[in-house]
Amino acid sequence: MALIHQYIERETNKIETEHLCSDRVIRFIYSSMRENVPAVFRAVTGRRMSSLLGFFSYDFLINRHLKNRSRFLQTCGIDLSECLDPPSILNTPRKIFERKIRYWECRPMIEDPRSIVSPADSKILLGSLSASSLLFLKGKFFDYEELLGKDKRAWLNAFREGDYVICRLTPEKYHYNHTPVAGKVLDFYQIDGSYHSCNPNAVISILTPFSKNKRIVTIIDTDVPNGTKAGLVAMIEVVAMMVGGITQCYSESFYDNPTVIVPGMFIKKGCPKSLYHPGSSTDIVLFQRDRVEFCQDLIRNRLNSSVLSRFTSGFGHPLVETDLKVRSTIGWAVV
């Protein structure tokens, strides 16, 4: 398996090489430790150890008060000019990773009411559960029934053979999730689980890790007045290693008056919905079959065999991520 991991940057269309955080440690945990000391492996991927690792990494190891903040920010590629709060307030790694940005200015969203947007600053992969689709991927990143909950028969039937987007947030990313569509919330629930890493090596080693981790599921009906008209959409927020949890904080105006998501409420597209606490994490957005048309550049990128992706080498066929911004268009509703 290639030791480097490449992706395509959407704005420039350039192939970039990712610096994977704690890559050697993750590879050790998901190879030697998993195989030779399974009890320790289970402990490391549990809630308590994940929280301790997060505290050690973001509140202690990096240094609670940064001595060389400019170098730290430059290394992480964080643009302070986007931030809502003044730089003087962002004086710890945790505050930097939980930063708010002027998304209405630096993450513009097109006006088309049927556009579907990325829920996060992230590296995304397109996929489909339908064997007739060019993007067919089954049993690689998640077990379908386990992902939504085996007791959720209505939602399992609704999304069967549908399409999906996997959005991988790396630690330096803006960690607010935004709503990818507009519509009425039909269901909102949490599924307990582990805290596996989102590092590509961990994903390949474990197989279907995203349906094993703790996650929050929001089911949205977009075929309502003022909705996106993309049928039912499931937004699944997956907690990963070193993430203490997710704070639900939906707001229709900037970050003002945040509220939790509840069934029956209408949510607008592109609004802040939740906040991942520091670490890497993943969003999965599920669509019903034949209700979304993905952007062609994202499809071409995903199938690009010249990019050295660990997913490609691990799973045996082209699986290339595209790095893009939250609220950028990833597709359109098909009526």
C-alpha atoms as a PDB file:
ATOM      1  CA  MET A   1       0.000   0.000   0.000  1.00  0.00           C
ATOM      2  CA  ALA A   2       1.298   3.450  -0.898  1.00  0.00           C
ATOM      3  CA  LEU A   3       2.614   5.322   2.114  1.00  0.00           C
ATOM      4  CA  ILE A   4       1.581   8.673   0.674  1.00  0.00           C
ATOM      5  CA  HIS A   5      -2.012   9.754   0.244  1.00  0.00           C
ATOM      6  CA  GLN A   6      -3.043  12.138  -2.518  1.00  0.00           C
ATOM      7  CA  TYR A   7      -6.264  13.955  -3.343  1.00  0.00           C
ATOM      8  CA  ILE A   8      -7.461  16.589  -5.831  1.00  0.00           C
ATOM      9  CA  GLU A   9      -7.937  20.190  -4.731  1.00  0.00           C
ATOM     10  CA  ARG A  10     -11.165  21.381  -6.350  1.00  0.00           C
ATOM     11  CA  GLU A  11     -10.386  25.086  -6.718  1.00  0.00           C
ATOM     12  CA  THR A  12      -7.084  24.492  -8.548  1.00  0.00           C
ATOM     13  CA  ASN A  13      -7.673  20.951  -9.877  1.00  0.00           C
ATOM     14  CA  LYS A  14      -4.173  20.105  -8.652  1.00  0.00           C
ATOM     15  CA  ILE A  15      -3.115  16.782  -7.178  1.00  0.00           C
ATOM     16  CA  GLU A  16      -1.943  17.352  -3.608  1.00  0.00           C
ATOM     17  CA  THR A  17      -0.269  15.105  -1.027  1.00  0.00           C
ATOM     18  CA  GLU A  18      -1.857  15.042   2.405  1.00  0.00           C
ATOM     19  CA  HIS A  19       0.169  15.181   5.608  1.00  0.00           C
ATOM     20  CA  LEU A  20      -1.742  12.634   7.670  1.00  0.00           C
ATOM     21  CA  CYS A  21      -1.780  13.549  11.346  1.00  0.00           C
ATOM     22  CA  SER A  22      -0.116  10.918  13.603  1.00  0.00           C
ATOM     23  CA  ASP A  23       0.083   8.590  10.617  1.00  0.00           C
ATOM     24  CA  ARG A  24       2.738   6.237  12.043  1.00  0.00           C
ATOM     25  CA  VAL A  25       0.867   5.922  15.317  1.00  0.00           C
ATOM     26  CA  ILE A  26      -2.416   5.178  13.522  1.00  0.00           C
ATOM     27  CA  ARG A  27      -0.773   2.567  11.305  1.00  0.00           C
ATOM     28  CA  PHE A  28       0.733   0.900  14.396  1.00  0.00           C
ATOM     29  CA  ILE A  29      -2.616   0.896  16.241  1.00  0.00           C
ATOM     30  CA  TYR A  30      -4.498  -0.552  13.278  1.00  0.00           C
ATOM     31  CA  SER A  31      -1.920  -3.204  12.379  1.00  0.00           C
ATOM     32  CA  SER A  32       0.332  -4.490  15.169  1.00  0.00           C
ATOM     33  CA  MET A  33      -1.861  -3.491  18.123  1.00  0.00           C
ATOM     34  CA  ARG A  34      -5.146  -4.649  16.546  1.00  0.00           C
ATOM     35  CA  GLU A  35      -3.662  -8.020  15.617  1.00  0.00           C
ATOM     36  CA  ASN A  36      -1.456  -8.712  18.653  1.00  0.00           C
ATOM     37  CA  VAL A  37      -3.127  -6.910  21.572  1.00  0.00           C
ATOM     38  CA  PRO A  38      -6.858  -6.775  20.732  1.00  0.00           C
ATOM     39  CA  ALA A  39      -7.917  -5.835  24.280  1.00  0.00           C
ATOM     40  CA  VAL A  40      -5.684  -2.747  24.226  1.00  0.00           C
ATOM     41  CA  PHE A  41      -6.921  -1.914  20.721  1.00  0.00           C
ATOM     42  CA  ARG A  42     -10.527  -1.978  21.934  1.00  0.00           C
ATOM     43  CA  ALA A  43      -9.602   0.303  24.830  1.00  0.00           C
ATOM     44  CA  VAL A  44      -7.818   2.803  22.553  1.00  0.00           C
ATOM     45  CA  THR A  45     -10.861   3.056  20.264  1.00  0.00           C
ATOM     46  CA  GLY A  46     -13.273   3.472  23.184  1.00  0.00           C
ATOM     47  CA  ARG A  47     -14.908   6.673  24.442  1.00  0.00           C
ATOM     48  CA  ARG A  48     -12.749   7.257  27.525  1.00  0.00           C
ATOM     49  CA  MET A  49      -9.394   6.770  25.794  1.00  0.00           C
ATOM     50  CA  SER A  50     -10.530   8.840  22.809  1.00  0.00           C
ATOM     51  CA  SER A  51     -11.347  11.753  25.115  1.00  0.00           C
ATOM     52  CA  LEU A  52      -8.007  11.406  26.900  1.00  0.00           C
ATOM     53  CA  LEU A  53      -6.140  11.366  23.591  1.00  0.00           C
ATOM     54  CA  GLY A  54      -8.035  14.471  22.529  1.00  0.00           C
ATOM     55  CA  PHE A  55      -7.152  16.277  25.742  1.00  0.00           C
ATOM     56  CA  PHE A  56      -3.515  15.218  25.536  1.00  0.00           C
ATOM     57  CA  SER A  57      -3.231  16.287  21.891  1.00  0.00           C
ATOM     58  CA  TYR A  58      -5.137  19.561  21.879  1.00  0.00           C
ATOM     59  CA  ASP A  59      -4.911  20.838  25.457  1.00  0.00           C
ATOM     60  CA  PHE A  60      -1.522  19.591  26.582  1.00  0.00           C
ATOM     61  CA  LEU A  61       0.803  18.286  23.865  1.00  0.00           C
ATOM     62  CA  ILE A  62       0.337  21.113  21.358  1.00  0.00           C
ATOM     63  CA  ASN A  63       0.573  23.482  24.349  1.00  0.00           C
ATOM     64  CA  ARG A  64      -2.398  25.050  26.059  1.00  0.00           C
ATOM     65  CA  HIS A  65      -1.211  28.569  25.258  1.00  0.00           C
ATOM     66  CA  LEU A  66       0.624  28.715  21.964  1.00  0.00           C
ATOM     67  CA  LYS A  67       4.177  30.039  22.100  1.00  0.00           C
ATOM     68  CA  ASN A  68       4.514  30.332  18.346  1.00  0.00           C
ATOM     69  CA  ARG A  69       0.971  30.678  17.097  1.00  0.00           C
ATOM     70  CA  SER A  70       1.872  32.029  13.660  1.00  0.00           C
ATOM     71  CA  ARG A  71       4.018  28.974  12.883  1.00  0.00           C
ATOM     72  CA  PHE A  72       1.317  26.655  14.196  1.00  0.00           C
ATOM     73  CA  LEU A  73      -1.349  28.341  12.053  1.00  0.00           C
ATOM     74  CA  GLN A  74       0.895  28.322   8.994  1.00  0.00           C
ATOM     75  CA  THR A  75       1.648  24.618   9.440  1.00  0.00           C
ATOM     76  CA  CYS A  76      -2.063  23.854   9.699  1.00  0.00           C
ATOM     77  CA  GLY A  77      -2.960  26.127   6.775  1.00  0.00           C
ATOM     78  CA  ILE A  78      -5.463  28.139   8.834  1.00  0.00           C
ATOM     79  CA  ASP A  79      -6.453  31.549   7.476  1.00  0.00           C
ATOM     80  CA  LEU A  80      -7.149  33.906  10.375  1.00  0.00           C
ATOM     81  CA  SER A  81      -8.670  36.475   8.031  1.00  0.00           C
ATOM     82  CA  GLU A  82     -11.707  34.167   7.683  1.00  0.00           C
ATOM     83  CA  CYS A  83     -12.316  33.986  11.421  1.00  0.00           C
ATOM     84  CA  LEU A  84     -15.200  35.759  13.094  1.00  0.00           C
ATOM     85  CA  ASP A  85     -13.376  36.266  16.400  1.00  0.00           C
ATOM     86  CA  PRO A  86     -10.286  38.482  16.655  1.00  0.00           C
ATOM     87  CA  PRO A  87      -6.935  36.610  16.570  1.00  0.00           C
ATOM     88  CA  SER A  88      -6.181  37.492  20.198  1.00  0.00           C
ATOM     89  CA  ILE A  89      -9.043  35.277  21.351  1.00  0.00           C
ATOM     90  CA  LEU A  90      -7.807  32.235  19.439  1.00  0.00           C
ATOM     91  CA  ASN A  91      -4.990  31.531  21.882  1.00  0.00           C
ATOM     92  CA  THR A  92      -5.300  27.746  22.359  1.00  0.00           C
ATOM     93  CA  PRO A  93      -5.388  24.858  19.884  1.00  0.00           C
ATOM     94  CA  ARG A  94      -8.913  23.967  20.984  1.00  0.00           C
ATOM     95  CA  LYS A  95     -10.199  27.500  20.344  1.00  0.00           C
ATOM     96  CA  ILE A  96      -8.524  27.499  16.933  1.00  0.00           C
ATOM     97  CA  PHE A  97     -10.060  24.174  15.942  1.00  0.00           C
ATOM     98  CA  GLU A  98     -13.508  25.235  17.187  1.00  0.00           C
ATOM     99  CA  ARG A  99     -13.299  28.611  15.435  1.00  0.00           C
ATOM    100  CA  LYS A 100     -16.203  30.354  13.742  1.00  0.00           C
ATOM    101  CA  ILE A 101     -15.730  31.875  10.296  1.00  0.00           C
ATOM    102  CA  ARG A 102     -17.568  34.482   8.239  1.00  0.00           C
ATOM    103  CA  TYR A 103     -19.018  31.720   6.080  1.00  0.00           C
ATOM    104  CA  TRP A 104     -21.532  34.074   4.466  1.00  0.00           C
ATOM    105  CA  GLU A 105     -18.539  35.866   2.909  1.00  0.00           C
ATOM    106  CA  CYS A 106     -15.746  33.281   2.548  1.00  0.00           C
ATOM    107  CA  ARG A 107     -17.934  30.219   1.843  1.00  0.00           C
ATOM    108  CA  PRO A 108     -20.516  31.602  -0.643  1.00  0.00           C
ATOM    109  CA  MET A 109     -23.446  29.428  -1.720  1.00  0.00           C
ATOM    110  CA  ILE A 110     -25.209  29.618  -5.085  1.00  0.00           C
ATOM    111  CA  GLU A 111     -28.857  30.694  -5.124  1.00  0.00           C
ATOM    112  CA  ASP A 112     -30.248  27.676  -7.020  1.00  0.00           C
ATOM    113  CA  PRO A 113     -32.921  26.215  -4.670  1.00  0.00           C
ATOM    114  CA  ARG A 114     -32.274  22.678  -5.977  1.00  0.00           C
ATOM    115  CA  SER A 115     -28.527  22.708  -5.409  1.00  0.00           C
ATOM    116  CA  ILE A 116     -27.079  20.359  -2.798  1.00  0.00           C
ATOM    117  CA  VAL A 117     -24.047  21.624  -0.918  1.00  0.00           C
ATOM    118  CA  SER A 118     -21.152  20.155   1.008  1.00  0.00           C
ATOM    119  CA  PRO A 119     -21.853  19.986   4.754  1.00  0.00           C
ATOM    120  CA  ALA A 120     -18.222  20.642   5.677  1.00  0.00           C
ATOM    121  CA  ASP A 121     -14.770  21.831   4.707  1.00  0.00           C
ATOM    122  CA  SER A 122     -13.605  18.336   3.863  1.00  0.00           C
ATOM    123  CA  LYS A 123     -12.238  15.750   1.474  1.00  0.00           C
ATOM    124  CA  ILE A 124     -15.184  13.997  -0.136  1.00  0.00           C
ATOM    125  CA  LEU A 125     -15.812  10.679  -1.873  1.00  0.00           C
ATOM    126  CA  LEU A 126     -18.914   9.926  -3.937  1.00  0.00           C
ATOM    127  CA  GLY A 127     -20.511   6.498  -3.817  1.00  0.00           C
ATOM    128  CA  SER A 128     -23.616   4.493  -4.608  1.00  0.00           C
ATOM    129  CA  LEU A 129     -25.366   1.471  -3.124  1.00  0.00           C
ATOM    130  CA  SER A 130     -26.829   0.578  -6.526  1.00  0.00           C
ATOM    131  CA  ALA A 131     -24.993  -2.123  -8.479  1.00  0.00           C
ATOM    132  CA  SER A 132     -26.021  -0.436 -11.750  1.00  0.00           C
ATOM    133  CA  SER A 133     -24.244   2.804 -10.835  1.00  0.00           C
ATOM    134  CA  LEU A 134     -20.822   3.908 -12.058  1.00  0.00           C
ATOM    135  CA  LEU A 135     -20.130   4.864  -8.433  1.00  0.00           C
ATOM    136  CA  PHE A 136     -21.127   1.516  -6.898  1.00  0.00           C
ATOM    137  CA  LEU A 137     -19.358   0.830  -3.601  1.00  0.00           C
ATOM    138  CA  LYS A 138     -20.747  -1.748  -1.234  1.00  0.00           C
ATOM    139  CA  GLY A 139     -19.347  -2.784   2.115  1.00  0.00           C
ATOM    140  CA  LYS A 140     -16.226  -0.619   1.942  1.00  0.00           C
ATOM    141  CA  PHE A 141     -16.803   2.317   4.254  1.00  0.00           C
ATOM    142  CA  PHE A 142     -19.943   1.300   6.114  1.00  0.00           C
ATOM    143  CA  ASP A 143     -22.424  -1.505   6.583  1.00  0.00           C
ATOM    144  CA  TYR A 144     -25.656   0.025   5.290  1.00  0.00           C
ATOM    145  CA  GLU A 145     -28.104  -1.409   7.818  1.00  0.00           C
ATOM    146  CA  GLU A 146     -25.747  -0.877  10.720  1.00  0.00           C
ATOM    147  CA  LEU A 147     -25.086   2.724   9.655  1.00  0.00           C
ATOM    148  CA  LEU A 148     -28.714   3.836   9.973  1.00  0.00           C
ATOM    149  CA  GLY A 149     -29.659   1.381  12.722  1.00  0.00           C
ATOM    150  CA  LYS A 150     -31.044  -2.091  12.077  1.00  0.00           C
ATOM    151  CA  ASP A 151     -34.319  -1.194  13.807  1.00  0.00           C
ATOM    152  CA  LYS A 152     -34.952   1.789  11.512  1.00  0.00           C
ATOM    153  CA  ARG A 153     -36.829  -0.159   8.825  1.00  0.00           C
ATOM    154  CA  ALA A 154     -38.563   2.873   7.281  1.00  0.00           C
ATOM    155  CA  TRP A 155     -35.263   4.667   6.634  1.00  0.00           C
ATOM    156  CA  LEU A 156     -33.488   1.489   5.535  1.00  0.00           C
ATOM    157  CA  ASN A 157     -36.175   0.907   2.917  1.00  0.00           C
ATOM    158  CA  ALA A 158     -36.139   4.559   1.825  1.00  0.00           C
ATOM    159  CA  PHE A 159     -32.387   4.792   1.130  1.00  0.00           C
ATOM    160  CA  ARG A 160     -31.762   1.293  -0.208  1.00  0.00           C
ATOM    161  CA  GLU A 161     -29.718   1.426  -3.457  1.00  0.00           C
ATOM    162  CA  GLY A 162     -29.328   5.180  -3.041  1.00  0.00           C
ATOM    163  CA  ASP A 163     -26.283   7.411  -3.463  1.00  0.00           C
ATOM    164  CA  TYR A 164     -24.051   8.982  -0.856  1.00  0.00           C
ATOM    165  CA  VAL A 165     -21.217  11.375  -0.099  1.00  0.00           C
ATOM    166  CA  ILE A 166     -18.526  10.729   2.516  1.00  0.00           C
ATOM    167  CA  CYS A 167     -16.976  13.948   3.868  1.00  0.00           C
ATOM    168  CA  ARG A 168     -13.727  13.446   5.816  1.00  0.00           C
ATOM    169  CA  LEU A 169     -12.767  16.347   8.080  1.00  0.00           C
ATOM    170  CA  THR A 170      -9.089  16.468   9.009  1.00  0.00           C
ATOM    171  CA  PRO A 171      -8.028  18.082  12.318  1.00  0.00           C
ATOM    172  CA  GLU A 172      -7.096  21.501  10.903  1.00  0.00           C
ATOM    173  CA  LYS A 173     -10.428  21.986   9.112  1.00  0.00           C
ATOM    174  CA  TYR A 174     -13.218  24.338  10.118  1.00  0.00           C
ATOM    175  CA  HIS A 175     -15.246  21.975  12.310  1.00  0.00           C
ATOM    176  CA  TYR A 176     -18.787  23.296  12.017  1.00  0.00           C
ATOM    177  CA  ASN A 177     -21.147  21.150   9.968  1.00  0.00           C
ATOM    178  CA  HIS A 178     -23.705  22.949   7.794  1.00  0.00           C
ATOM    179  CA  THR A 179     -27.008  21.702   6.415  1.00  0.00           C
ATOM    180  CA  PRO A 180     -26.581  20.281   2.862  1.00  0.00           C
ATOM    181  CA  VAL A 181     -30.257  20.672   1.957  1.00  0.00           C
ATOM    182  CA  ALA A 182     -33.406  22.463   3.061  1.00  0.00           C
ATOM    183  CA  GLY A 183     -36.383  20.559   4.417  1.00  0.00           C
ATOM    184  CA  LYS A 184     -38.387  19.274   7.370  1.00  0.00           C
ATOM    185  CA  VAL A 185     -36.697  17.089  10.005  1.00  0.00           C
ATOM    186  CA  LEU A 186     -38.521  13.760  10.277  1.00  0.00           C
ATOM    187  CA  ASP A 187     -36.217  11.982  12.704  1.00  0.00           C
ATOM    188  CA  PHE A 188     -33.167  12.724  14.834  1.00  0.00           C
ATOM    189  CA  TYR A 189     -31.376  10.070  16.870  1.00  0.00           C
ATOM    190  CA  GLN A 190     -28.015   8.932  18.230  1.00  0.00           C
ATOM    191  CA  ILE A 191     -26.350   5.529  17.848  1.00  0.00           C
ATOM    192  CA  ASP A 192     -23.608   4.635  20.314  1.00  0.00           C
ATOM    193  CA  GLY A 193     -20.385   3.037  19.127  1.00  0.00           C
ATOM    194  CA  SER A 194     -16.596   3.142  19.029  1.00  0.00           C
ATOM    195  CA  TYR A 195     -14.194   5.981  18.183  1.00  0.00           C
ATOM    196  CA  HIS A 196     -12.178   4.638  15.272  1.00  0.00           C
ATOM    197  CA  SER A 197      -9.810   6.936  13.403  1.00  0.00           C
ATOM    198  CA  CYS A 198     -10.794   8.417  10.011  1.00  0.00           C
ATOM    199  CA  ASN A 199      -7.205   8.019   8.754  1.00  0.00           C
ATOM    200  CA  PRO A 200      -7.339   6.169   5.386  1.00  0.00           C
ATOM    201  CA  ASN A 201      -5.202   3.323   6.747  1.00  0.00           C
ATOM    202  CA  ALA A 202      -7.603   2.816   9.639  1.00  0.00           C
ATOM    203  CA  VAL A 203     -10.587   2.839   7.280  1.00  0.00           C
ATOM    204  CA  ILE A 204      -9.000   0.209   5.026  1.00  0.00           C
ATOM    205  CA  SER A 205      -7.859  -1.955   7.971  1.00  0.00           C
ATOM    206  CA  ILE A 206     -11.173  -2.042   9.840  1.00  0.00           C
ATOM    207  CA  LEU A 207     -13.635  -2.037   6.913  1.00  0.00           C
ATOM    208  CA  THR A 208     -17.024  -0.358   7.464  1.00  0.00           C
ATOM    209  CA  PRO A 209     -15.694   1.757  10.386  1.00  0.00           C
ATOM    210  CA  PHE A 210     -18.226   4.565   9.928  1.00  0.00           C
ATOM    211  CA  SER A 211     -21.077   2.251  10.907  1.00  0.00           C
ATOM    212  CA  LYS A 212     -19.177   1.143  14.006  1.00  0.00           C
ATOM    213  CA  ASN A 213     -18.491   4.607  15.432  1.00  0.00           C
ATOM    214  CA  LYS A 214     -20.782   6.735  17.566  1.00  0.00           C
ATOM    215  CA  ARG A 215     -22.969   8.823  15.259  1.00  0.00           C
ATOM    216  CA  ILE A 216     -25.930  11.158  15.056  1.00  0.00           C
ATOM    217  CA  VAL A 217     -28.531  10.689  12.311  1.00  0.00           C
ATOM    218  CA  THR A 218     -30.838  13.403  10.968  1.00  0.00           C
ATOM    219  CA  ILE A 219     -33.533  12.443   8.442  1.00  0.00           C
ATOM    220  CA  ILE A 220     -34.768  15.353   6.310  1.00  0.00           C
ATOM    221  CA  ASP A 221     -37.772  15.487   3.974  1.00  0.00           C
ATOM    222  CA  THR A 222     -36.842  17.950   1.230  1.00  0.00           C
ATOM    223  CA  ASP A 223     -40.051  17.474  -0.811  1.00  0.00           C
ATOM    224  CA  VAL A 224     -41.858  20.097   1.261  1.00  0.00           C
ATOM    225  CA  PRO A 225     -42.592  23.755   0.505  1.00  0.00           C
ATOM    226  CA  ASN A 226     -39.293  25.684   0.218  1.00  0.00           C
ATOM    227  CA  GLY A 227     -37.371  22.403   0.347  1.00  0.00           C
ATOM    228  CA  THR A 228     -34.575  21.290  -1.990  1.00  0.00           C
ATOM    229  CA  LYS A 229     -36.844  18.722  -3.733  1.00  0.00           C
ATOM    230  CA  ALA A 230     -34.324  15.876  -3.448  1.00  0.00           C
ATOM    231  CA  GLY A 231     -36.565  13.407  -1.628  1.00  0.00           C
ATOM    232  CA  LEU A 232     -35.477  12.099   1.750  1.00  0.00           C
ATOM    233  CA  VAL A 233     -31.921  12.920   2.813  1.00  0.00           C
ATOM    234  CA  ALA A 234     -30.019  11.439   5.763  1.00  0.00           C
ATOM    235  CA  MET A 235     -27.186  13.443   7.308  1.00  0.00           C
ATOM    236  CA  ILE A 236     -25.008  11.254   9.521  1.00  0.00           C
ATOM    237  CA  GLU A 237     -22.369  12.855  11.737  1.00  0.00           C
ATOM    238  CA  VAL A 238     -19.728  10.296  12.742  1.00  0.00           C
ATOM    239  CA  VAL A 239     -17.556  10.823  15.800  1.00  0.00           C
ATOM    240  CA  ALA A 240     -13.960   9.664  15.387  1.00  0.00           C
ATOM    241  CA  MET A 241     -10.811   9.187  17.467  1.00  0.00           C
ATOM    242  CA  MET A 242      -9.948  12.160  19.720  1.00  0.00           C
ATOM    243  CA  VAL A 243     -13.336  13.799  19.146  1.00  0.00           C
ATOM    244  CA  GLY A 244     -15.078  14.259  22.471  1.00  0.00           C
ATOM    245  CA  GLY A 245     -18.474  14.639  20.843  1.00  0.00           C
ATOM    246  CA  ILE A 246     -20.745  16.781  18.714  1.00  0.00           C
ATOM    247  CA  THR A 247     -22.604  19.882  19.880  1.00  0.00           C
ATOM    248  CA  GLN A 248     -25.872  20.472  18.021  1.00  0.00           C
ATOM    249  CA  CYS A 249     -26.198  24.222  17.431  1.00  0.00           C
ATOM    250  CA  TYR A 250     -28.418  24.953  14.406  1.00  0.00           C
ATOM    251  CA  SER A 251     -28.708  28.646  13.594  1.00  0.00           C
ATOM    252  CA  GLU A 252     -30.472  30.365  10.675  1.00  0.00           C
ATOM    253  CA  SER A 253     -28.648  33.669  11.120  1.00  0.00           C
ATOM    254  CA  PHE A 254     -24.859  33.511  11.382  1.00  0.00           C
ATOM    255  CA  TYR A 255     -24.205  31.634  14.658  1.00  0.00           C
ATOM    256  CA  ASP A 256     -26.920  33.455  16.604  1.00  0.00           C
ATOM    257  CA  ASN A 257     -29.442  31.778  18.904  1.00  0.00           C
ATOM    258  CA  PRO A 258     -28.207  28.200  18.379  1.00  0.00           C
ATOM    259  CA  THR A 259     -30.727  25.430  18.977  1.00  0.00           C
ATOM    260  CA  VAL A 260     -30.784  21.652  18.909  1.00  0.00           C
ATOM    261  CA  ILE A 261     -32.395  19.786  16.025  1.00  0.00           C
ATOM    262  CA  VAL A 262     -35.818  18.299  16.771  1.00  0.00           C
ATOM    263  CA  PRO A 263     -38.300  16.424  14.564  1.00  0.00           C
ATOM    264  CA  GLY A 264     -40.856  18.695  12.935  1.00  0.00           C
ATOM    265  CA  MET A 265     -38.616  21.732  12.509  1.00  0.00           C
ATOM    266  CA  PHE A 266     -37.745  23.172   9.093  1.00  0.00           C
ATOM    267  CA  ILE A 267     -34.040  23.682   8.434  1.00  0.00           C
ATOM    268  CA  LYS A 268     -32.609  25.960   5.787  1.00  0.00           C
ATOM    269  CA  LYS A 269     -29.754  24.962   3.505  1.00  0.00           C
ATOM    270  CA  GLY A 270     -26.199  26.081   4.277  1.00  0.00           C
ATOM    271  CA  CYS A 271     -26.773  26.969   7.939  1.00  0.00           C
ATOM    272  CA  PRO A 272     -24.512  25.894  10.823  1.00  0.00           C
ATOM    273  CA  LYS A 273     -25.973  22.706  12.308  1.00  0.00           C
ATOM    274  CA  SER A 274     -23.388  21.244  14.658  1.00  0.00           C
ATOM    275  CA  LEU A 275     -19.809  21.445  15.868  1.00  0.00           C
ATOM    276  CA  TYR A 276     -17.278  18.628  16.063  1.00  0.00           C
ATOM    277  CA  HIS A 277     -14.850  19.026  18.914  1.00  0.00           C
ATOM    278  CA  PRO A 278     -11.137  18.793  17.949  1.00  0.00           C
ATOM    279  CA  GLY A 279      -9.956  15.794  15.990  1.00  0.00           C
ATOM    280  CA  SER A 280     -10.763  14.149  12.694  1.00  0.00           C
ATOM    281  CA  SER A 281     -14.358  13.193  11.941  1.00  0.00           C
ATOM    282  CA  THR A 282     -16.712  12.314   9.101  1.00  0.00           C
ATOM    283  CA  ASP A 283     -20.082  13.297   7.648  1.00  0.00           C
ATOM    284  CA  ILE A 284     -22.074  10.920   5.473  1.00  0.00           C
ATOM    285  CA  VAL A 285     -25.008  12.204   3.429  1.00  0.00           C
ATOM    286  CA  LEU A 286     -27.393   9.571   2.014  1.00  0.00           C
ATOM    287  CA  PHE A 287     -29.808  10.192  -0.865  1.00  0.00           C
ATOM    288  CA  GLN A 288     -32.643   8.119  -2.254  1.00  0.00           C
ATOM    289  CA  ARG A 289     -32.038   6.359  -5.551  1.00  0.00           C
ATOM    290  CA  ASP A 290     -32.234   8.614  -8.636  1.00  0.00           C
ATOM    291  CA  ARG A 291     -32.819  11.784  -6.586  1.00  0.00           C
ATOM    292  CA  VAL A 292     -29.402  13.444  -6.895  1.00  0.00           C
ATOM    293  CA  GLU A 293     -27.108  14.253  -9.815  1.00  0.00           C
ATOM    294  CA  PHE A 294     -23.529  14.780  -8.641  1.00  0.00           C
ATOM    295  CA  CYS A 295     -21.218  17.388 -10.181  1.00  0.00           C
ATOM    296  CA  GLN A 296     -19.213  15.934 -13.067  1.00  0.00           C
ATOM    297  CA  ASP A 297     -15.850  17.176 -11.788  1.00  0.00           C
ATOM    298  CA  LEU A 298     -16.341  15.231  -8.550  1.00  0.00           C
ATOM    299  CA  ILE A 299     -17.172  12.070 -10.487  1.00  0.00           C
ATOM    300  CA  ARG A 300     -14.096  12.468 -12.726  1.00  0.00           C
ATOM    301  CA  ASN A 301     -11.882  13.044  -9.724  1.00  0.00           C
ATOM    302  CA  ARG A 302     -13.203  10.012  -7.874  1.00  0.00           C
ATOM    303  CA  LEU A 303     -12.358   7.774 -10.862  1.00  0.00           C
ATOM    304  CA  ASN A 304      -8.879   9.246 -11.521  1.00  0.00           C
ATOM    305  CA  SER A 305      -6.445   6.306 -11.511  1.00  0.00           C
ATOM    306  CA  SER A 306      -3.322   8.508 -11.713  1.00  0.00           C
ATOM    307  CA  VAL A 307      -3.759   9.868  -8.172  1.00  0.00           C
ATOM    308  CA  LEU A 308      -1.935   7.899  -5.447  1.00  0.00           C
ATOM    309  CA  SER A 309      -4.807   7.425  -3.044  1.00  0.00           C
ATOM    310  CA  ARG A 310      -4.554   4.922  -0.191  1.00  0.00           C
ATOM    311  CA  PHE A 311      -8.210   4.095  -0.768  1.00  0.00           C
ATOM    312  CA  THR A 312      -7.409   3.147  -4.376  1.00  0.00           C
ATOM    313  CA  SER A 313      -4.501   0.897  -3.403  1.00  0.00           C
ATOM    314  CA  GLY A 314      -6.374  -0.556  -0.430  1.00  0.00           C
ATOM    315  CA  PHE A 315      -9.630  -1.392  -2.215  1.00  0.00           C
ATOM    316  CA  GLY A 316      -8.264  -2.159  -5.683  1.00  0.00           C
ATOM    317  CA  HIS A 317     -10.059   0.403  -7.856  1.00  0.00           C
ATOM    318  CA  PRO A 318      -9.984   4.216  -8.214  1.00  0.00           C
ATOM    319  CA  LEU A 319     -11.238   5.961  -5.077  1.00  0.00           C
ATOM    320  CA  VAL A 320      -9.944   9.534  -5.061  1.00  0.00           C
ATOM    321  CA  GLU A 321     -11.087  12.313  -2.739  1.00  0.00           C
ATOM    322  CA  THR A 322     -11.742  15.921  -3.708  1.00  0.00           C
ATOM    323  CA  ASP A 323     -10.923  18.657  -1.209  1.00  0.00           C
ATOM    324  CA  LEU A 324     -13.617  21.344  -1.193  1.00  0.00           C
ATOM    325  CA  LYS A 325     -15.276  24.001   0.944  1.00  0.00           C
ATOM    326  CA  VAL A 326     -18.433  23.878   3.016  1.00  0.00           C
ATOM    327  CA  ARG A 327     -21.533  25.193   1.162  1.00  0.00           C
ATOM    328  CA  SER A 328     -19.950  24.555  -2.261  1.00  0.00           C
ATOM    329  CA  THR A 329     -22.189  22.746  -4.729  1.00  0.00           C
ATOM    330  CA  ILE A 330     -21.793  18.965  -4.930  1.00  0.00           C
ATOM    331  CA  GLY A 331     -24.928  18.185  -6.967  1.00  0.00           C
ATOM    332  CA  TRP A 332     -28.533  18.972  -7.822  1.00  0.00           C
ATOM    333  CA  ALA A 333     -31.883  17.509  -6.927  1.00  0.00           C
ATOM    334  CA  VAL A 334     -33.510  15.291  -9.573  1.00  0.00           C
ATOM    335  CA  VAL A 335     -37.282  15.568  -9.543  1.00  0.00           C
END
